[in-house]
Amino acid sequence: MKLSTRGRYACRAMLELVDSYDNGALSIDRIADNQDISKRYLEHIFARLRKADIIKGTRGSKGGYRLRREASEITVGEVIRAVEGPLGPVHCVDDPKACPRVGQCVTHELWMRISETLNNLLDDLTLQNLADRQKALDAGAKNPHNP
């Protein structure tokens, strides 16, 4: 299973919003430039994130986007599902009625376990966890001789 660019870009854009949480809203232009993402594509991603109540947008000269909640309260799973939809590896995981073999299909059990594991992993990680890890990586890059 591969995530689309929507999921990857959403996570990167959310980290920008985590960094600016205490400093006010960020413009979509700034986020798009910083992350090298098309502004138009980012607008589509943000529309989904707004609909899921993960971010809020404000208009005006000091407008832009911000997180609706603390980064420690928003899971990576929420973000990815908001922009990608359900994360089942196959259709029958998300809609068991779509396949008449679900009740006697051993591979369905496998796909369910994969889906549960993936969702649990993503729901155990918050945006704050990712932001903290990014800061650690950035600090290591600035001082590569510091173990």
N, C-alpha and C. Protein backbone atom coordinates (compact mmCIF):
# COMPACT_ATOMS: atom_id res chain seq x y z
N MET A 1 0.84 -1.18 0.00
CA MET A 1 0.00 0.00 0.00
C MET A 1 0.89 1.24 0.00
N LYS A 2 0.59 2.18 -0.86
CA LYS A 2 1.34 3.43 -0.94
C LYS A 2 0.39 4.58 -0.67
N LEU A 3 0.88 5.54 0.10
CA LEU A 3 0.14 6.77 0.29
C LEU A 3 0.38 7.66 -0.93
N SER A 4 -0.61 8.44 -1.26
CA SER A 4 -0.44 9.39 -2.36
C SER A 4 0.33 10.61 -1.86
N THR A 5 0.64 11.50 -2.79
CA THR A 5 1.31 12.73 -2.40
C THR A 5 0.44 13.55 -1.45
N ARG A 6 -0.89 13.40 -1.54
CA ARG A 6 -1.78 14.14 -0.63
C ARG A 6 -1.42 13.86 0.82
N GLY A 7 -1.25 12.59 1.17
CA GLY A 7 -0.94 12.22 2.54
C GLY A 7 0.43 12.72 2.97
N ARG A 8 1.40 12.57 2.09
CA ARG A 8 2.76 13.01 2.42
C ARG A 8 2.83 14.53 2.54
N TYR A 9 2.22 15.22 1.59
CA TYR A 9 2.24 16.68 1.63
C TYR A 9 1.44 17.22 2.82
N ALA A 10 0.35 16.57 3.15
CA ALA A 10 -0.45 17.02 4.30
C ALA A 10 0.38 16.96 5.57
N CYS A 11 1.13 15.90 5.76
CA CYS A 11 1.96 15.78 6.96
C CYS A 11 3.04 16.87 6.98
N ARG A 12 3.67 17.11 5.85
CA ARG A 12 4.70 18.15 5.80
C ARG A 12 4.11 19.53 6.08
N ALA A 13 2.95 19.81 5.51
CA ALA A 13 2.31 21.11 5.73
C ALA A 13 1.88 21.27 7.18
N MET A 14 1.41 20.18 7.78
CA MET A 14 0.98 20.24 9.19
C MET A 14 2.16 20.56 10.10
N LEU A 15 3.35 20.08 9.76
CA LEU A 15 4.52 20.40 10.57
C LEU A 15 4.84 21.89 10.51
N GLU A 16 4.57 22.52 9.38
CA GLU A 16 4.73 23.98 9.30
C GLU A 16 3.78 24.66 10.29
N LEU A 17 2.55 24.17 10.35
CA LEU A 17 1.56 24.76 11.26
C LEU A 17 1.90 24.50 12.72
N VAL A 18 2.51 23.36 13.00
CA VAL A 18 2.95 23.07 14.37
C VAL A 18 3.99 24.11 14.78
N ASP A 19 4.95 24.36 13.90
CA ASP A 19 6.01 25.32 14.21
C ASP A 19 5.49 26.73 14.45
N SER A 20 4.38 27.08 13.82
CA SER A 20 3.87 28.44 13.96
C SER A 20 2.67 28.54 14.91
N TYR A 21 2.37 27.48 15.64
CA TYR A 21 1.16 27.42 16.46
C TYR A 21 1.03 28.62 17.40
N ASP A 22 2.10 29.00 18.04
CA ASP A 22 2.04 30.12 19.00
C ASP A 22 2.22 31.49 18.34
N ASN A 23 2.53 31.51 17.05
CA ASN A 23 2.84 32.77 16.37
C ASN A 23 1.76 33.23 15.40
N GLY A 24 0.62 32.60 15.41
CA GLY A 24 -0.46 33.01 14.51
C GLY A 24 -0.54 32.17 13.26
N ALA A 25 -1.42 32.62 12.38
CA ALA A 25 -1.71 31.87 11.16
C ALA A 25 -0.58 31.99 10.15
N LEU A 26 -0.46 30.97 9.32
CA LEU A 26 0.52 30.96 8.24
C LEU A 26 -0.21 31.02 6.91
N SER A 27 0.31 31.78 5.98
CA SER A 27 -0.32 31.86 4.66
C SER A 27 -0.03 30.59 3.88
N ILE A 28 -0.96 30.26 3.03
CA ILE A 28 -0.78 29.07 2.19
C ILE A 28 0.38 29.27 1.23
N ASP A 29 0.63 30.51 0.82
CA ASP A 29 1.77 30.80 -0.05
C ASP A 29 3.09 30.44 0.63
N ARG A 30 3.19 30.82 1.88
CA ARG A 30 4.43 30.55 2.63
C ARG A 30 4.64 29.05 2.82
N ILE A 31 3.57 28.35 3.18
CA ILE A 31 3.68 26.91 3.37
C ILE A 31 4.06 26.24 2.05
N ALA A 32 3.39 26.62 0.98
CA ALA A 32 3.67 26.05 -0.34
C ALA A 32 5.13 26.29 -0.73
N ASP A 33 5.62 27.51 -0.51
CA ASP A 33 7.02 27.83 -0.85
C ASP A 33 7.99 27.04 0.02
N ASN A 34 7.75 27.02 1.32
CA ASN A 34 8.65 26.31 2.23
C ASN A 34 8.72 24.82 1.95
N GLN A 35 7.61 24.25 1.54
CA GLN A 35 7.55 22.79 1.34
C GLN A 35 7.66 22.39 -0.13
N ASP A 36 7.79 23.35 -1.00
CA ASP A 36 7.90 23.09 -2.44
C ASP A 36 6.70 22.26 -2.93
N ILE A 37 5.52 22.76 -2.57
CA ILE A 37 4.26 22.13 -2.96
C ILE A 37 3.46 23.17 -3.75
N SER A 38 2.81 22.74 -4.79
CA SER A 38 1.97 23.64 -5.56
C SER A 38 0.89 24.25 -4.65
N LYS A 39 0.73 25.56 -4.74
CA LYS A 39 -0.28 26.24 -3.93
C LYS A 39 -1.67 25.68 -4.22
N ARG A 40 -1.96 25.45 -5.47
CA ARG A 40 -3.28 24.94 -5.85
C ARG A 40 -3.53 23.55 -5.25
N TYR A 41 -2.52 22.70 -5.30
CA TYR A 41 -2.65 21.36 -4.73
C TYR A 41 -2.81 21.44 -3.22
N LEU A 42 -2.06 22.33 -2.60
CA LEU A 42 -2.14 22.51 -1.15
C LEU A 42 -3.52 23.05 -0.74
N GLU A 43 -4.12 23.88 -1.56
CA GLU A 43 -5.47 24.37 -1.27
C GLU A 43 -6.47 23.22 -1.22
N HIS A 44 -6.33 22.24 -2.11
CA HIS A 44 -7.21 21.07 -2.10
C HIS A 44 -6.99 20.24 -0.84
N ILE A 45 -5.75 20.08 -0.46
CA ILE A 45 -5.43 19.32 0.76
C ILE A 45 -6.00 20.04 1.97
N PHE A 46 -5.83 21.36 2.03
CA PHE A 46 -6.32 22.12 3.18
C PHE A 46 -7.84 22.13 3.25
N ALA A 47 -8.50 22.08 2.10
CA ALA A 47 -9.96 22.00 2.11
C ALA A 47 -10.41 20.74 2.84
N ARG A 48 -9.74 19.64 2.60
CA ARG A 48 -10.07 18.38 3.28
C ARG A 48 -9.74 18.45 4.77
N LEU A 49 -8.64 19.08 5.11
CA LEU A 49 -8.25 19.20 6.51
C LEU A 49 -9.19 20.14 7.27
N ARG A 50 -9.68 21.18 6.60
CA ARG A 50 -10.68 22.06 7.21
C ARG A 50 -11.98 21.30 7.45
N LYS A 51 -12.40 20.55 6.46
CA LYS A 51 -13.65 19.78 6.58
C LYS A 51 -13.57 18.79 7.74
N ALA A 52 -12.38 18.26 7.99
CA ALA A 52 -12.17 17.31 9.09
C ALA A 52 -11.92 18.02 10.43
N ASP A 53 -12.01 19.35 10.45
CA ASP A 53 -11.79 20.15 11.66
C ASP A 53 -10.39 20.00 12.26
N ILE A 54 -9.42 19.81 11.42
CA ILE A 54 -8.04 19.71 11.89
C ILE A 54 -7.35 21.07 11.84
N ILE A 55 -7.71 21.85 10.83
CA ILE A 55 -7.17 23.21 10.70
C ILE A 55 -8.31 24.19 10.54
N LYS A 56 -7.98 25.46 10.73
CA LYS A 56 -8.96 26.52 10.46
C LYS A 56 -8.27 27.61 9.66
N GLY A 57 -9.04 28.24 8.83
CA GLY A 57 -8.51 29.30 8.00
C GLY A 57 -9.16 30.62 8.37
N THR A 58 -8.39 31.69 8.26
CA THR A 58 -8.91 33.03 8.48
C THR A 58 -8.53 33.89 7.28
N ARG A 59 -9.42 34.80 6.94
CA ARG A 59 -9.18 35.68 5.80
C ARG A 59 -8.57 36.99 6.28
N GLY A 60 -8.07 37.74 5.33
CA GLY A 60 -7.56 39.07 5.64
C GLY A 60 -6.06 39.15 5.56
N SER A 61 -5.54 40.34 5.84
CA SER A 61 -4.11 40.59 5.70
C SER A 61 -3.28 39.75 6.68
N LYS A 62 -3.83 39.42 7.82
CA LYS A 62 -3.12 38.57 8.78
C LYS A 62 -3.72 37.17 8.80
N GLY A 63 -4.42 36.85 7.73
CA GLY A 63 -5.08 35.55 7.63
C GLY A 63 -4.11 34.44 7.29
N GLY A 64 -4.68 33.28 7.23
CA GLY A 64 -3.88 32.09 6.93
C GLY A 64 -4.50 30.89 7.62
N TYR A 65 -3.67 29.92 7.89
CA TYR A 65 -4.14 28.68 8.49
C TYR A 65 -3.42 28.41 9.81
N ARG A 66 -4.17 27.73 10.69
CA ARG A 66 -3.61 27.29 11.97
C ARG A 66 -4.27 25.98 12.37
N LEU A 67 -3.62 25.30 13.28
CA LEU A 67 -4.20 24.07 13.82
C LEU A 67 -5.38 24.41 14.71
N ARG A 68 -6.41 23.57 14.70
CA ARG A 68 -7.57 23.77 15.57
C ARG A 68 -7.30 23.35 17.00
N ARG A 69 -6.37 22.41 17.16
CA ARG A 69 -6.03 21.89 18.49
C ARG A 69 -4.51 21.86 18.63
N GLU A 70 -4.08 21.58 19.83
CA GLU A 70 -2.64 21.42 20.08
C GLU A 70 -2.11 20.27 19.22
N ALA A 71 -0.87 20.38 18.82
CA ALA A 71 -0.25 19.34 17.99
C ALA A 71 -0.23 17.99 18.70
N SER A 72 -0.17 18.00 20.00
CA SER A 72 -0.15 16.74 20.77
C SER A 72 -1.51 16.06 20.79
N GLU A 73 -2.54 16.75 20.31
CA GLU A 73 -3.90 16.20 20.29
C GLU A 73 -4.34 15.77 18.90
N ILE A 74 -3.50 15.97 17.90
CA ILE A 74 -3.84 15.61 16.52
C ILE A 74 -2.95 14.45 16.09
N THR A 75 -3.57 13.34 15.73
CA THR A 75 -2.77 12.19 15.32
C THR A 75 -2.46 12.24 13.83
N VAL A 76 -1.39 11.58 13.49
CA VAL A 76 -1.01 11.46 12.08
C VAL A 76 -2.11 10.70 11.34
N GLY A 77 -2.72 9.72 12.00
CA GLY A 77 -3.81 8.97 11.40
C GLY A 77 -4.97 9.87 11.00
N GLU A 78 -5.33 10.82 11.87
CA GLU A 78 -6.41 11.76 11.55
C GLU A 78 -6.09 12.53 10.28
N VAL A 79 -4.86 13.03 10.21
CA VAL A 79 -4.44 13.84 9.06
C VAL A 79 -4.49 13.01 7.78
N ILE A 80 -3.90 11.84 7.83
CA ILE A 80 -3.84 11.01 6.62
C ILE A 80 -5.23 10.57 6.18
N ARG A 81 -6.07 10.13 7.12
CA ARG A 81 -7.43 9.72 6.74
C ARG A 81 -8.24 10.89 6.21
N ALA A 82 -7.99 12.09 6.72
CA ALA A 82 -8.72 13.28 6.24
C ALA A 82 -8.45 13.54 4.77
N VAL A 83 -7.23 13.30 4.33
CA VAL A 83 -6.89 13.61 2.94
C VAL A 83 -6.90 12.38 2.03
N GLU A 84 -6.72 11.19 2.60
CA GLU A 84 -6.65 9.97 1.79
C GLU A 84 -7.93 9.14 1.84
N GLY A 85 -8.70 9.28 2.91
CA GLY A 85 -9.83 8.40 3.12
C GLY A 85 -9.40 7.20 3.95
N PRO A 86 -10.22 6.15 3.99
CA PRO A 86 -9.87 4.97 4.78
C PRO A 86 -8.55 4.36 4.33
N LEU A 87 -7.83 3.76 5.28
CA LEU A 87 -6.49 3.26 4.98
C LEU A 87 -6.42 1.74 4.81
N GLY A 88 -7.51 1.11 4.51
CA GLY A 88 -7.49 -0.33 4.27
C GLY A 88 -6.66 -0.67 3.05
N PRO A 89 -5.88 -1.75 3.12
CA PRO A 89 -5.02 -2.11 1.99
C PRO A 89 -5.80 -2.64 0.79
N VAL A 90 -7.01 -3.13 1.03
CA VAL A 90 -7.88 -3.62 -0.05
C VAL A 90 -9.31 -3.17 0.24
N HIS A 91 -10.11 -3.16 -0.80
CA HIS A 91 -11.47 -2.63 -0.70
C HIS A 91 -12.34 -3.35 0.33
N CYS A 92 -12.17 -4.66 0.47
CA CYS A 92 -13.05 -5.41 1.37
C CYS A 92 -12.82 -5.09 2.84
N VAL A 93 -11.69 -4.47 3.17
CA VAL A 93 -11.46 -4.05 4.56
C VAL A 93 -12.34 -2.86 4.90
N ASP A 94 -12.44 -1.93 3.98
CA ASP A 94 -13.23 -0.73 4.21
C ASP A 94 -14.73 -0.98 4.01
N ASP A 95 -15.07 -1.92 3.15
CA ASP A 95 -16.47 -2.22 2.85
C ASP A 95 -16.65 -3.74 2.71
N PRO A 96 -16.77 -4.45 3.84
CA PRO A 96 -16.88 -5.92 3.79
C PRO A 96 -18.05 -6.43 2.94
N LYS A 97 -19.09 -5.63 2.78
CA LYS A 97 -20.24 -6.06 1.97
C LYS A 97 -19.91 -6.08 0.47
N ALA A 98 -18.80 -5.48 0.10
CA ALA A 98 -18.42 -5.41 -1.31
C ALA A 98 -17.94 -6.76 -1.84
N CYS A 99 -17.61 -7.68 -0.94
CA CYS A 99 -17.09 -8.98 -1.37
C CYS A 99 -17.90 -10.11 -0.73
N PRO A 100 -18.51 -10.97 -1.52
CA PRO A 100 -19.30 -12.05 -0.97
C PRO A 100 -18.46 -13.14 -0.30
N ARG A 101 -17.16 -13.13 -0.47
CA ARG A 101 -16.28 -14.16 0.10
C ARG A 101 -15.71 -13.80 1.45
N VAL A 102 -16.01 -12.63 1.97
CA VAL A 102 -15.40 -12.14 3.20
C VAL A 102 -15.48 -13.17 4.34
N GLY A 103 -16.60 -13.80 4.53
CA GLY A 103 -16.77 -14.74 5.64
C GLY A 103 -15.92 -15.98 5.57
N GLN A 104 -15.49 -16.39 4.39
CA GLN A 104 -14.68 -17.60 4.25
C GLN A 104 -13.32 -17.34 3.60
N CYS A 105 -12.88 -16.12 3.64
CA CYS A 105 -11.63 -15.75 2.98
C CYS A 105 -10.53 -15.50 4.01
N VAL A 106 -9.54 -16.36 4.04
CA VAL A 106 -8.46 -16.22 5.00
C VAL A 106 -7.61 -14.98 4.71
N THR A 107 -7.51 -14.56 3.45
CA THR A 107 -6.72 -13.38 3.17
C THR A 107 -7.40 -12.11 3.69
N HIS A 108 -8.73 -12.14 3.81
CA HIS A 108 -9.43 -11.00 4.39
C HIS A 108 -8.94 -10.75 5.82
N GLU A 109 -8.72 -11.83 6.57
CA GLU A 109 -8.18 -11.69 7.93
C GLU A 109 -6.81 -11.04 7.91
N LEU A 110 -5.99 -11.42 6.94
CA LEU A 110 -4.66 -10.83 6.79
C LEU A 110 -4.77 -9.33 6.52
N TRP A 111 -5.64 -8.97 5.56
CA TRP A 111 -5.80 -7.55 5.21
C TRP A 111 -6.34 -6.75 6.40
N MET A 112 -7.21 -7.36 7.18
CA MET A 112 -7.73 -6.69 8.38
C MET A 112 -6.61 -6.44 9.40
N ARG A 113 -5.77 -7.42 9.61
CA ARG A 113 -4.65 -7.26 10.56
C ARG A 113 -3.69 -6.19 10.10
N ILE A 114 -3.41 -6.17 8.80
CA ILE A 114 -2.53 -5.13 8.25
C ILE A 114 -3.17 -3.75 8.48
N SER A 115 -4.44 -3.63 8.19
CA SER A 115 -5.14 -2.37 8.36
C SER A 115 -5.13 -1.92 9.82
N GLU A 116 -5.41 -2.83 10.73
CA GLU A 116 -5.41 -2.49 12.16
C GLU A 116 -4.04 -2.04 12.62
N THR A 117 -3.00 -2.75 12.18
CA THR A 117 -1.63 -2.40 12.57
C THR A 117 -1.26 -1.02 12.06
N LEU A 118 -1.55 -0.76 10.80
CA LEU A 118 -1.24 0.54 10.21
C LEU A 118 -2.00 1.66 10.92
N ASN A 119 -3.30 1.48 11.11
CA ASN A 119 -4.10 2.51 11.77
C ASN A 119 -3.65 2.74 13.21
N ASN A 120 -3.32 1.67 13.92
CA ASN A 120 -2.84 1.83 15.30
C ASN A 120 -1.52 2.60 15.34
N LEU A 121 -0.62 2.28 14.43
CA LEU A 121 0.65 2.99 14.37
C LEU A 121 0.44 4.48 14.12
N LEU A 122 -0.37 4.80 13.12
CA LEU A 122 -0.61 6.20 12.78
C LEU A 122 -1.39 6.94 13.86
N ASP A 123 -2.25 6.23 14.57
CA ASP A 123 -3.02 6.87 15.64
C ASP A 123 -2.21 7.02 16.93
N ASP A 124 -1.10 6.30 17.03
CA ASP A 124 -0.23 6.45 18.20
C ASP A 124 0.76 7.60 18.04
N LEU A 125 0.92 8.09 16.81
CA LEU A 125 1.82 9.21 16.54
C LEU A 125 1.03 10.50 16.43
N THR A 126 1.51 11.53 17.10
CA THR A 126 0.87 12.84 16.99
C THR A 126 1.74 13.77 16.15
N LEU A 127 1.15 14.88 15.76
CA LEU A 127 1.94 15.88 15.05
C LEU A 127 3.09 16.38 15.92
N GLN A 128 2.87 16.43 17.23
CA GLN A 128 3.93 16.86 18.13
C GLN A 128 5.08 15.87 18.12
N ASN A 129 4.78 14.56 18.09
CA ASN A 129 5.83 13.55 17.99
C ASN A 129 6.69 13.79 16.74
N LEU A 130 6.02 14.04 15.61
CA LEU A 130 6.76 14.29 14.37
C LEU A 130 7.59 15.57 14.46
N ALA A 131 7.01 16.61 15.02
CA ALA A 131 7.73 17.89 15.14
C ALA A 131 8.95 17.74 16.04
N ASP A 132 8.81 17.00 17.14
CA ASP A 132 9.95 16.78 18.03
C ASP A 132 11.06 16.01 17.33
N ARG A 133 10.67 15.01 16.56
CA ARG A 133 11.65 14.22 15.81
C ARG A 133 12.34 15.08 14.75
N GLN A 134 11.57 15.96 14.09
CA GLN A 134 12.16 16.85 13.09
C GLN A 134 13.18 17.78 13.73
N LYS A 135 12.85 18.32 14.90
CA LYS A 135 13.80 19.21 15.60
C LYS A 135 15.08 18.47 15.95
N ALA A 136 14.95 17.22 16.38
CA ALA A 136 16.13 16.42 16.70
C ALA A 136 16.97 16.17 15.45
N LEU A 137 16.32 15.87 14.33
CA LEU A 137 17.05 15.67 13.08
C LEU A 137 17.75 16.95 12.64
N ASP A 138 17.05 18.08 12.76
CA ASP A 138 17.63 19.36 12.37
C ASP A 138 18.83 19.70 13.25
N ALA A 139 18.73 19.44 14.55
CA ALA A 139 19.83 19.71 15.47
C ALA A 139 21.03 18.84 15.13
N GLY A 140 20.79 17.59 14.78
CA GLY A 140 21.88 16.68 14.39
C GLY A 140 22.53 17.12 13.10
N ALA A 141 21.77 17.66 12.18
CA ALA A 141 22.31 18.12 10.90
C ALA A 141 23.18 19.36 11.10
N LYS A 142 22.84 20.19 12.07
CA LYS A 142 23.62 21.40 12.33
C LYS A 142 24.92 21.08 13.05
N ASN A 143 24.92 19.99 13.82
CA ASN A 143 26.10 19.60 14.56
C ASN A 143 26.34 18.12 14.36
N PRO A 144 26.88 17.71 13.20
CA PRO A 144 27.02 16.28 12.90
C PRO A 144 28.02 15.56 13.79
N HIS A 145 28.88 16.28 14.52
CA HIS A 145 29.86 15.63 15.40
C HIS A 145 29.33 15.39 16.79
N ASN A 146 28.13 15.85 17.06
CA ASN A 146 27.52 15.65 18.40
C ASN A 146 26.68 14.38 18.36
N PRO A 147 27.10 13.32 19.08
CA PRO A 147 26.34 12.07 19.03
C PRO A 147 24.98 12.13 19.66
